[in-house]
Amino acid sequence: MSTSMKAWATPLATATFVILAVTGSLMFFKVEAGIIKPVHEWLSWAMTAGVVLHIIANWKSFTGYFSRKPALSIIGTGIVVTLITVFAPAGDHQNPRMNMTKALASAKLETVAEVAGQNSATLIEKLGSKGMKVGQASMSVREIAKQNNIKDMEVLALIFDQPSKGQ
C-alpha cells in the first residue's frame, strides 16, 4: 500500500507545490490576471491532501526527523509562524478590499448605486428582476441581504455584475 501511495502522493504534492509557488508569487506581486486567485485557493486543498498522503507513505522517514535538532527547529518554526499568521491581529496590514467591501455593505443602496455608476431606481429594478425584495433606496446593502436571506457579497455581486464568491 505504501509503495503505490508513494507513486502518486509525491507527484501530487510536487505538482501542486509548483502551481501554488507560481500563483502565490504572482499574487504577492499583485498580478491578478485570469484565474490565479481561485486556482491558488482551491489547489491548496490538493496540496494539503498530497502532503498528508506523502507523510503517511513515508511515515518511518518522517518520524526520524523528530530526533534531529535542525529538523525539529524547522518544523517548530513552521508551527510558530502558522500560529502567528492565524492568531495575530492584522494591524495596519489589513486587506483594503475587505474594508471597502464592508463599507459598501453598510452603505445605503443609493450611495452604492452612485459608486457603481447606476441609478438607484434602475438598481432596485435590477435586483428585483433577480428575485430580491428591496423596500427603498435608503436601505443598506446589508439590510437588503438580510431581508432576502443571502450574503452581502451576493447583493454586491449583482450590483457590480460579478459572480458571487461568498462572503
N, C-alpha and C. Protein backbone atom coordinates (compact mmCIF):
# COMPACT_ATOMS: atom_id res chain seq x y z
N MET A 1 0.81 -1.19 0.00
CA MET A 1 0.00 0.00 0.00
C MET A 1 0.85 1.26 0.00
N SER A 2 1.88 1.28 0.80
CA SER A 2 2.73 2.45 0.92
C SER A 2 3.44 2.77 -0.39
N THR A 3 3.90 1.73 -1.11
CA THR A 3 4.60 1.94 -2.37
C THR A 3 3.67 2.55 -3.42
N SER A 4 2.44 2.04 -3.52
CA SER A 4 1.52 2.61 -4.50
C SER A 4 1.11 4.03 -4.12
N MET A 5 1.00 4.29 -2.81
CA MET A 5 0.67 5.65 -2.38
C MET A 5 1.80 6.60 -2.73
N LYS A 6 3.04 6.15 -2.57
CA LYS A 6 4.19 6.98 -2.93
C LYS A 6 4.18 7.32 -4.41
N ALA A 7 3.66 6.38 -5.21
CA ALA A 7 3.66 6.56 -6.66
C ALA A 7 2.82 7.75 -7.10
N TRP A 8 1.82 8.12 -6.32
CA TRP A 8 1.02 9.28 -6.73
C TRP A 8 0.97 10.39 -5.69
N ALA A 9 1.27 10.11 -4.41
CA ALA A 9 1.23 11.15 -3.38
C ALA A 9 2.36 12.17 -3.58
N THR A 10 3.55 11.69 -3.85
CA THR A 10 4.68 12.59 -4.06
C THR A 10 4.50 13.43 -5.32
N PRO A 11 4.11 12.83 -6.47
CA PRO A 11 3.86 13.67 -7.64
C PRO A 11 2.73 14.69 -7.42
N LEU A 12 1.69 14.31 -6.68
CA LEU A 12 0.60 15.24 -6.38
C LEU A 12 1.12 16.41 -5.56
N ALA A 13 1.89 16.11 -4.52
CA ALA A 13 2.45 17.17 -3.68
C ALA A 13 3.38 18.07 -4.49
N THR A 14 4.18 17.47 -5.37
CA THR A 14 5.13 18.23 -6.19
C THR A 14 4.41 19.12 -7.19
N ALA A 15 3.44 18.56 -7.91
CA ALA A 15 2.71 19.32 -8.93
C ALA A 15 1.95 20.49 -8.30
N THR A 16 1.28 20.23 -7.19
CA THR A 16 0.53 21.31 -6.56
C THR A 16 1.47 22.35 -5.96
N PHE A 17 2.63 21.91 -5.48
CA PHE A 17 3.62 22.87 -4.98
C PHE A 17 4.04 23.83 -6.09
N VAL A 18 4.32 23.30 -7.27
CA VAL A 18 4.75 24.14 -8.39
C VAL A 18 3.66 25.18 -8.71
N ILE A 19 2.42 24.71 -8.82
CA ILE A 19 1.32 25.62 -9.14
C ILE A 19 1.14 26.67 -8.05
N LEU A 20 1.16 26.24 -6.79
CA LEU A 20 0.97 27.18 -5.69
C LEU A 20 2.14 28.15 -5.56
N ALA A 21 3.34 27.70 -5.85
CA ALA A 21 4.51 28.59 -5.79
C ALA A 21 4.38 29.68 -6.86
N VAL A 22 3.97 29.31 -8.06
CA VAL A 22 3.83 30.29 -9.14
C VAL A 22 2.67 31.23 -8.87
N THR A 23 1.49 30.68 -8.55
CA THR A 23 0.33 31.55 -8.31
C THR A 23 0.52 32.42 -7.08
N GLY A 24 1.13 31.86 -6.03
CA GLY A 24 1.39 32.65 -4.83
C GLY A 24 2.37 33.78 -5.10
N SER A 25 3.40 33.51 -5.89
CA SER A 25 4.37 34.56 -6.24
C SER A 25 3.71 35.66 -7.06
N LEU A 26 2.85 35.25 -8.00
CA LEU A 26 2.13 36.25 -8.81
C LEU A 26 1.21 37.09 -7.93
N MET A 27 0.52 36.44 -6.99
CA MET A 27 -0.37 37.17 -6.08
C MET A 27 0.44 38.14 -5.21
N PHE A 28 1.63 37.73 -4.80
CA PHE A 28 2.49 38.60 -3.99
C PHE A 28 2.80 39.89 -4.73
N PHE A 29 3.04 39.77 -6.04
CA PHE A 29 3.36 40.92 -6.87
C PHE A 29 2.12 41.58 -7.48
N LYS A 30 0.95 41.25 -6.92
CA LYS A 30 -0.33 41.86 -7.29
C LYS A 30 -0.73 41.60 -8.74
N VAL A 31 -0.27 40.50 -9.31
CA VAL A 31 -0.71 40.09 -10.64
C VAL A 31 -2.02 39.33 -10.44
N GLU A 32 -3.10 39.88 -10.98
CA GLU A 32 -4.42 39.29 -10.75
C GLU A 32 -5.08 38.85 -12.05
N ALA A 33 -4.30 38.44 -13.02
CA ALA A 33 -4.84 38.03 -14.31
C ALA A 33 -5.49 36.65 -14.23
N GLY A 34 -6.41 36.42 -15.13
CA GLY A 34 -7.01 35.09 -15.25
C GLY A 34 -7.63 34.59 -13.96
N ILE A 35 -7.37 33.32 -13.68
CA ILE A 35 -7.98 32.67 -12.51
C ILE A 35 -6.92 32.31 -11.47
N ILE A 36 -5.93 33.16 -11.34
CA ILE A 36 -4.81 32.90 -10.42
C ILE A 36 -5.30 32.67 -8.99
N LYS A 37 -6.11 33.60 -8.47
CA LYS A 37 -6.52 33.50 -7.06
C LYS A 37 -7.37 32.27 -6.78
N PRO A 38 -8.44 31.99 -7.56
CA PRO A 38 -9.22 30.78 -7.25
C PRO A 38 -8.42 29.49 -7.42
N VAL A 39 -7.54 29.45 -8.41
CA VAL A 39 -6.71 28.25 -8.59
C VAL A 39 -5.80 28.08 -7.37
N HIS A 40 -5.21 29.18 -6.91
CA HIS A 40 -4.32 29.11 -5.75
C HIS A 40 -5.09 28.63 -4.51
N GLU A 41 -6.27 29.20 -4.31
CA GLU A 41 -7.06 28.83 -3.13
C GLU A 41 -7.52 27.38 -3.18
N TRP A 42 -8.07 26.96 -4.31
CA TRP A 42 -8.63 25.60 -4.39
C TRP A 42 -7.55 24.53 -4.45
N LEU A 43 -6.44 24.80 -5.12
CA LEU A 43 -5.39 23.78 -5.19
C LEU A 43 -4.63 23.63 -3.88
N SER A 44 -4.81 24.57 -2.97
CA SER A 44 -4.20 24.38 -1.65
C SER A 44 -4.77 23.13 -0.99
N TRP A 45 -6.04 22.81 -1.28
CA TRP A 45 -6.64 21.57 -0.75
C TRP A 45 -5.95 20.35 -1.35
N ALA A 46 -5.66 20.38 -2.65
CA ALA A 46 -4.98 19.25 -3.29
C ALA A 46 -3.56 19.09 -2.73
N MET A 47 -2.91 20.23 -2.49
CA MET A 47 -1.56 20.14 -1.92
C MET A 47 -1.62 19.58 -0.50
N THR A 48 -2.58 20.03 0.27
CA THR A 48 -2.74 19.51 1.63
C THR A 48 -2.91 18.00 1.60
N ALA A 49 -3.79 17.53 0.73
CA ALA A 49 -4.01 16.08 0.61
C ALA A 49 -2.74 15.37 0.16
N GLY A 50 -2.07 15.93 -0.83
CA GLY A 50 -0.83 15.32 -1.34
C GLY A 50 0.25 15.23 -0.27
N VAL A 51 0.42 16.29 0.50
CA VAL A 51 1.46 16.30 1.54
C VAL A 51 1.09 15.33 2.66
N VAL A 52 -0.18 15.32 3.08
CA VAL A 52 -0.60 14.38 4.13
C VAL A 52 -0.36 12.94 3.67
N LEU A 53 -0.76 12.63 2.44
CA LEU A 53 -0.55 11.27 1.91
C LEU A 53 0.94 10.97 1.75
N HIS A 54 1.72 11.97 1.36
CA HIS A 54 3.17 11.79 1.24
C HIS A 54 3.77 11.47 2.61
N ILE A 55 3.32 12.17 3.65
CA ILE A 55 3.82 11.90 5.01
C ILE A 55 3.43 10.50 5.44
N ILE A 56 2.18 10.11 5.19
CA ILE A 56 1.73 8.77 5.55
C ILE A 56 2.56 7.71 4.83
N ALA A 57 2.78 7.91 3.54
CA ALA A 57 3.54 6.93 2.74
C ALA A 57 5.00 6.85 3.20
N ASN A 58 5.51 7.92 3.77
CA ASN A 58 6.91 7.96 4.21
C ASN A 58 7.00 8.13 5.72
N TRP A 59 6.06 7.51 6.44
CA TRP A 59 5.94 7.71 7.88
C TRP A 59 7.22 7.41 8.65
N LYS A 60 7.86 6.31 8.33
CA LYS A 60 9.08 5.93 9.07
C LYS A 60 10.16 6.99 8.91
N SER A 61 10.37 7.46 7.70
CA SER A 61 11.37 8.52 7.46
C SER A 61 10.94 9.81 8.14
N PHE A 62 9.66 10.13 8.07
CA PHE A 62 9.14 11.36 8.65
C PHE A 62 9.37 11.39 10.16
N THR A 63 9.04 10.31 10.85
CA THR A 63 9.22 10.28 12.31
C THR A 63 10.69 10.38 12.71
N GLY A 64 11.58 9.98 11.80
CA GLY A 64 13.00 10.09 12.08
C GLY A 64 13.46 11.53 12.24
N TYR A 65 12.74 12.47 11.62
CA TYR A 65 13.09 13.88 11.72
C TYR A 65 12.93 14.41 13.14
N PHE A 66 12.07 13.78 13.93
CA PHE A 66 11.83 14.27 15.27
C PHE A 66 12.97 13.97 16.24
N SER A 67 13.98 13.27 15.78
CA SER A 67 15.15 13.02 16.63
C SER A 67 16.33 13.90 16.20
N ARG A 68 16.11 14.76 15.23
CA ARG A 68 17.18 15.64 14.73
C ARG A 68 16.84 17.10 15.05
N LYS A 69 17.77 17.78 15.75
CA LYS A 69 17.51 19.16 16.18
C LYS A 69 17.27 20.12 15.02
N PRO A 70 18.03 20.09 13.93
CA PRO A 70 17.75 21.03 12.84
C PRO A 70 16.34 20.84 12.26
N ALA A 71 15.93 19.59 12.08
CA ALA A 71 14.60 19.31 11.54
C ALA A 71 13.53 19.78 12.51
N LEU A 72 13.72 19.52 13.79
CA LEU A 72 12.77 19.98 14.80
C LEU A 72 12.67 21.50 14.82
N SER A 73 13.79 22.18 14.65
CA SER A 73 13.79 23.65 14.62
C SER A 73 12.97 24.17 13.44
N ILE A 74 13.15 23.56 12.28
CA ILE A 74 12.42 23.98 11.08
C ILE A 74 10.93 23.71 11.23
N ILE A 75 10.58 22.52 11.67
CA ILE A 75 9.18 22.16 11.87
C ILE A 75 8.55 23.05 12.94
N GLY A 76 9.26 23.26 14.04
CA GLY A 76 8.77 24.12 15.12
C GLY A 76 8.57 25.56 14.65
N THR A 77 9.52 26.08 13.87
CA THR A 77 9.39 27.43 13.33
C THR A 77 8.16 27.52 12.43
N GLY A 78 7.93 26.50 11.62
CA GLY A 78 6.75 26.47 10.76
C GLY A 78 5.46 26.52 11.56
N ILE A 79 5.42 25.79 12.66
CA ILE A 79 4.23 25.79 13.53
C ILE A 79 4.04 27.16 14.17
N VAL A 80 5.12 27.77 14.66
CA VAL A 80 5.03 29.09 15.29
C VAL A 80 4.55 30.14 14.28
N VAL A 81 5.13 30.13 13.07
CA VAL A 81 4.72 31.09 12.03
C VAL A 81 3.25 30.90 11.68
N THR A 82 2.80 29.65 11.59
CA THR A 82 1.39 29.37 11.31
C THR A 82 0.49 29.94 12.39
N LEU A 83 0.85 29.72 13.66
CA LEU A 83 0.04 30.24 14.77
C LEU A 83 0.00 31.76 14.77
N ILE A 84 1.14 32.39 14.52
CA ILE A 84 1.18 33.85 14.46
C ILE A 84 0.32 34.35 13.30
N THR A 85 0.43 33.70 12.15
CA THR A 85 -0.34 34.09 10.97
C THR A 85 -1.83 34.03 11.24
N VAL A 86 -2.28 32.99 11.91
CA VAL A 86 -3.70 32.80 12.14
C VAL A 86 -4.23 33.67 13.28
N PHE A 87 -3.46 33.83 14.35
CA PHE A 87 -4.00 34.47 15.54
C PHE A 87 -3.53 35.90 15.80
N ALA A 88 -2.51 36.38 15.11
CA ALA A 88 -2.03 37.75 15.35
C ALA A 88 -3.00 38.76 14.73
N PRO A 89 -3.22 39.89 15.40
CA PRO A 89 -4.08 40.91 14.81
C PRO A 89 -3.43 41.49 13.56
N ALA A 90 -4.24 41.83 12.58
CA ALA A 90 -3.73 42.31 11.30
C ALA A 90 -3.10 43.69 11.40
N GLY A 91 -3.57 44.51 12.32
CA GLY A 91 -3.00 45.85 12.49
C GLY A 91 -3.18 46.69 11.23
N ASP A 92 -2.13 47.36 10.82
CA ASP A 92 -2.20 48.24 9.65
C ASP A 92 -2.11 47.48 8.34
N HIS A 93 -1.97 46.18 8.40
CA HIS A 93 -1.77 45.40 7.18
C HIS A 93 -3.05 44.72 6.71
N GLN A 94 -4.20 45.25 7.11
CA GLN A 94 -5.45 44.65 6.67
C GLN A 94 -5.64 44.85 5.18
N ASN A 95 -6.35 43.91 4.58
CA ASN A 95 -6.64 43.98 3.17
C ASN A 95 -7.62 45.13 2.92
N PRO A 96 -7.24 46.14 2.14
CA PRO A 96 -8.14 47.27 1.92
C PRO A 96 -9.42 46.85 1.21
N ARG A 97 -9.38 45.79 0.44
CA ARG A 97 -10.58 45.31 -0.24
C ARG A 97 -11.65 44.88 0.76
N MET A 98 -11.21 44.24 1.83
CA MET A 98 -12.17 43.83 2.86
C MET A 98 -12.84 45.06 3.48
N ASN A 99 -12.04 46.08 3.75
CA ASN A 99 -12.58 47.31 4.34
C ASN A 99 -13.54 48.00 3.36
N MET A 100 -13.18 48.01 2.08
CA MET A 100 -14.05 48.63 1.07
C MET A 100 -15.36 47.85 0.95
N THR A 101 -15.27 46.53 0.97
CA THR A 101 -16.47 45.70 0.87
C THR A 101 -17.37 45.92 2.07
N LYS A 102 -16.79 45.99 3.26
CA LYS A 102 -17.58 46.24 4.47
C LYS A 102 -18.26 47.60 4.39
N ALA A 103 -17.53 48.60 3.88
CA ALA A 103 -18.10 49.94 3.76
C ALA A 103 -19.26 49.94 2.76
N LEU A 104 -19.08 49.27 1.64
CA LEU A 104 -20.17 49.20 0.65
C LEU A 104 -21.37 48.46 1.20
N ALA A 105 -21.13 47.39 1.96
CA ALA A 105 -22.24 46.60 2.51
C ALA A 105 -23.04 47.41 3.52
N SER A 106 -22.40 48.33 4.22
CA SER A 106 -23.12 49.11 5.22
C SER A 106 -23.68 50.42 4.64
N ALA A 107 -23.32 50.73 3.39
CA ALA A 107 -23.80 51.96 2.76
C ALA A 107 -25.22 51.80 2.22
N LYS A 108 -25.90 52.93 2.09
CA LYS A 108 -27.24 52.92 1.51
C LYS A 108 -27.15 52.51 0.05
N LEU A 109 -28.19 51.86 -0.43
CA LEU A 109 -28.22 51.41 -1.82
C LEU A 109 -28.04 52.57 -2.78
N GLU A 110 -28.62 53.73 -2.46
CA GLU A 110 -28.49 54.89 -3.34
C GLU A 110 -27.03 55.34 -3.44
N THR A 111 -26.27 55.21 -2.37
CA THR A 111 -24.85 55.55 -2.39
C THR A 111 -24.06 54.54 -3.21
N VAL A 112 -24.36 53.25 -3.00
CA VAL A 112 -23.69 52.19 -3.74
C VAL A 112 -24.01 52.31 -5.23
N ALA A 113 -25.26 52.67 -5.56
CA ALA A 113 -25.65 52.85 -6.96
C ALA A 113 -24.80 53.93 -7.61
N GLU A 114 -24.57 55.02 -6.88
CA GLU A 114 -23.74 56.11 -7.41
C GLU A 114 -22.31 55.64 -7.64
N VAL A 115 -21.77 54.88 -6.68
CA VAL A 115 -20.40 54.35 -6.83
C VAL A 115 -20.31 53.42 -8.04
N ALA A 116 -21.38 52.64 -8.26
CA ALA A 116 -21.41 51.69 -9.37
C ALA A 116 -21.76 52.36 -10.70
N GLY A 117 -22.04 53.68 -10.66
CA GLY A 117 -22.38 54.40 -11.88
C GLY A 117 -23.77 54.04 -12.39
N GLN A 118 -24.67 53.75 -11.47
CA GLN A 118 -26.02 53.37 -11.84
C GLN A 118 -27.02 54.25 -11.11
N ASN A 119 -28.25 54.24 -11.59
CA ASN A 119 -29.36 54.95 -10.98
C ASN A 119 -29.96 54.03 -9.92
N SER A 120 -30.30 54.55 -8.74
CA SER A 120 -30.81 53.68 -7.67
C SER A 120 -32.13 53.01 -8.06
N ALA A 121 -32.98 53.72 -8.79
CA ALA A 121 -34.26 53.12 -9.22
C ALA A 121 -34.00 51.95 -10.18
N THR A 122 -33.07 52.14 -11.09
CA THR A 122 -32.71 51.08 -12.04
C THR A 122 -32.11 49.90 -11.29
N LEU A 123 -31.31 50.21 -10.27
CA LEU A 123 -30.67 49.16 -9.48
C LEU A 123 -31.70 48.37 -8.68
N ILE A 124 -32.70 49.06 -8.13
CA ILE A 124 -33.78 48.36 -7.41
C ILE A 124 -34.51 47.43 -8.37
N GLU A 125 -34.75 47.92 -9.58
CA GLU A 125 -35.42 47.10 -10.61
C GLU A 125 -34.55 45.90 -10.99
N LYS A 126 -33.26 46.13 -11.12
CA LYS A 126 -32.31 45.06 -11.47
C LYS A 126 -32.31 43.97 -10.40
N LEU A 127 -32.23 44.38 -9.13
CA LEU A 127 -32.25 43.41 -8.03
C LEU A 127 -33.59 42.69 -7.96
N GLY A 128 -34.66 43.44 -8.21
CA GLY A 128 -36.00 42.83 -8.23
C GLY A 128 -36.14 41.78 -9.31
N SER A 129 -35.50 42.02 -10.46
CA SER A 129 -35.56 41.04 -11.55
C SER A 129 -34.82 39.75 -11.20
N LYS A 130 -33.97 39.84 -10.20
CA LYS A 130 -33.24 38.66 -9.71
C LYS A 130 -33.95 38.03 -8.52
N GLY A 131 -35.18 38.49 -8.26
CA GLY A 131 -35.98 37.91 -7.19
C GLY A 131 -35.74 38.50 -5.82
N MET A 132 -35.07 39.63 -5.76
CA MET A 132 -34.77 40.24 -4.47
C MET A 132 -35.79 41.32 -4.14
N LYS A 133 -36.15 41.38 -2.88
CA LYS A 133 -37.06 42.41 -2.39
C LYS A 133 -36.23 43.57 -1.85
N VAL A 134 -36.48 44.75 -2.40
CA VAL A 134 -35.80 45.96 -1.94
C VAL A 134 -36.88 46.97 -1.60
N GLY A 135 -36.98 47.33 -0.33
CA GLY A 135 -38.01 48.26 0.11
C GLY A 135 -37.81 49.66 -0.43
N GLN A 136 -36.61 50.21 -0.23
CA GLN A 136 -36.33 51.57 -0.67
C GLN A 136 -34.83 51.77 -0.83
N ALA A 137 -34.47 52.82 -1.55
CA ALA A 137 -33.07 53.09 -1.85
C ALA A 137 -32.27 53.49 -0.61
N SER A 138 -32.95 53.83 0.46
CA SER A 138 -32.24 54.23 1.68
C SER A 138 -31.82 53.02 2.52
N MET A 139 -32.21 51.80 2.08
CA MET A 139 -31.77 50.58 2.78
C MET A 139 -30.30 50.33 2.49
N SER A 140 -29.58 49.76 3.44
CA SER A 140 -28.20 49.40 3.19
C SER A 140 -28.15 48.06 2.45
N VAL A 141 -27.05 47.80 1.82
CA VAL A 141 -26.87 46.51 1.14
C VAL A 141 -27.01 45.38 2.14
N ARG A 142 -26.48 45.57 3.33
CA ARG A 142 -26.59 44.54 4.38
C ARG A 142 -28.05 44.28 4.75
N GLU A 143 -28.84 45.34 4.87
CA GLU A 143 -30.26 45.18 5.18
C GLU A 143 -30.99 44.43 4.06
N ILE A 144 -30.64 44.76 2.82
CA ILE A 144 -31.25 44.08 1.67
C ILE A 144 -30.89 42.60 1.69
N ALA A 145 -29.62 42.32 1.95
CA ALA A 145 -29.16 40.93 2.01
C ALA A 145 -29.89 40.17 3.11
N LYS A 146 -29.97 40.77 4.28
CA LYS A 146 -30.62 40.12 5.42
C LYS A 146 -32.10 39.87 5.12
N GLN A 147 -32.77 40.85 4.53
CA GLN A 147 -34.19 40.72 4.19
C GLN A 147 -34.43 39.60 3.18
N ASN A 148 -33.43 39.32 2.34
CA ASN A 148 -33.57 38.30 1.30
C ASN A 148 -32.85 37.00 1.65
N ASN A 149 -32.36 36.90 2.90
CA ASN A 149 -31.66 35.69 3.38
C ASN A 149 -30.50 35.28 2.50
N ILE A 150 -29.69 36.27 2.12
CA ILE A 150 -28.48 35.99 1.34
C ILE A 150 -27.33 36.78 1.95
N LYS A 151 -26.14 36.59 1.42
CA LYS A 151 -24.96 37.27 1.93
C LYS A 151 -24.80 38.64 1.26
N ASP A 152 -24.15 39.54 1.98
CA ASP A 152 -23.88 40.88 1.45
C ASP A 152 -23.19 40.80 0.09
N MET A 153 -22.21 39.90 0.00
CA MET A 153 -21.43 39.78 -1.24
C MET A 153 -22.30 39.38 -2.43
N GLU A 154 -23.37 38.63 -2.20
CA GLU A 154 -24.25 38.24 -3.29
C GLU A 154 -24.98 39.45 -3.85
N VAL A 155 -25.40 40.34 -2.97
CA VAL A 155 -26.06 41.58 -3.42
C VAL A 155 -25.05 42.44 -4.17
N LEU A 156 -23.86 42.61 -3.59
CA LEU A 156 -22.83 43.42 -4.24
C LEU A 156 -22.43 42.83 -5.59
N ALA A 157 -22.37 41.51 -5.67
CA ALA A 157 -22.02 40.86 -6.94
C ALA A 157 -23.05 41.18 -8.01
N LEU A 158 -24.32 41.19 -7.63
CA LEU A 158 -25.37 41.54 -8.58
C LEU A 158 -25.27 43.01 -8.99
N ILE A 159 -24.99 43.86 -8.03
CA ILE A 159 -24.87 45.30 -8.33
C ILE A 159 -23.72 45.56 -9.28
N PHE A 160 -22.59 44.92 -9.03
CA PHE A 160 -21.41 45.15 -9.85
C PHE A 160 -21.23 44.10 -10.95
N ASP A 161 -22.28 43.30 -11.18
CA ASP A 161 -22.31 42.30 -12.26
C ASP A 161 -21.15 41.31 -12.22
N GLN A 162 -20.82 40.81 -11.04
CA GLN A 162 -19.77 39.83 -10.89
C GLN A 162 -20.35 38.58 -10.25
N PRO A 163 -19.86 37.37 -10.63
CA PRO A 163 -20.33 36.17 -9.95
C PRO A 163 -19.93 36.19 -8.49
N SER A 164 -20.82 35.80 -7.60
CA SER A 164 -20.56 35.83 -6.17
C SER A 164 -19.58 34.74 -5.77
N LYS A 165 -18.66 35.06 -4.84
CA LYS A 165 -17.70 34.08 -4.32
C LYS A 165 -17.94 33.82 -2.85
N GLY A 166 -19.06 34.22 -2.32
CA GLY A 166 -19.32 34.06 -0.88
C GLY A 166 -18.80 35.25 -0.12
N GLN A 167 -18.92 35.20 1.17
CA GLN A 167 -18.54 36.34 1.99
C GLN A 167 -17.30 36.11 2.76
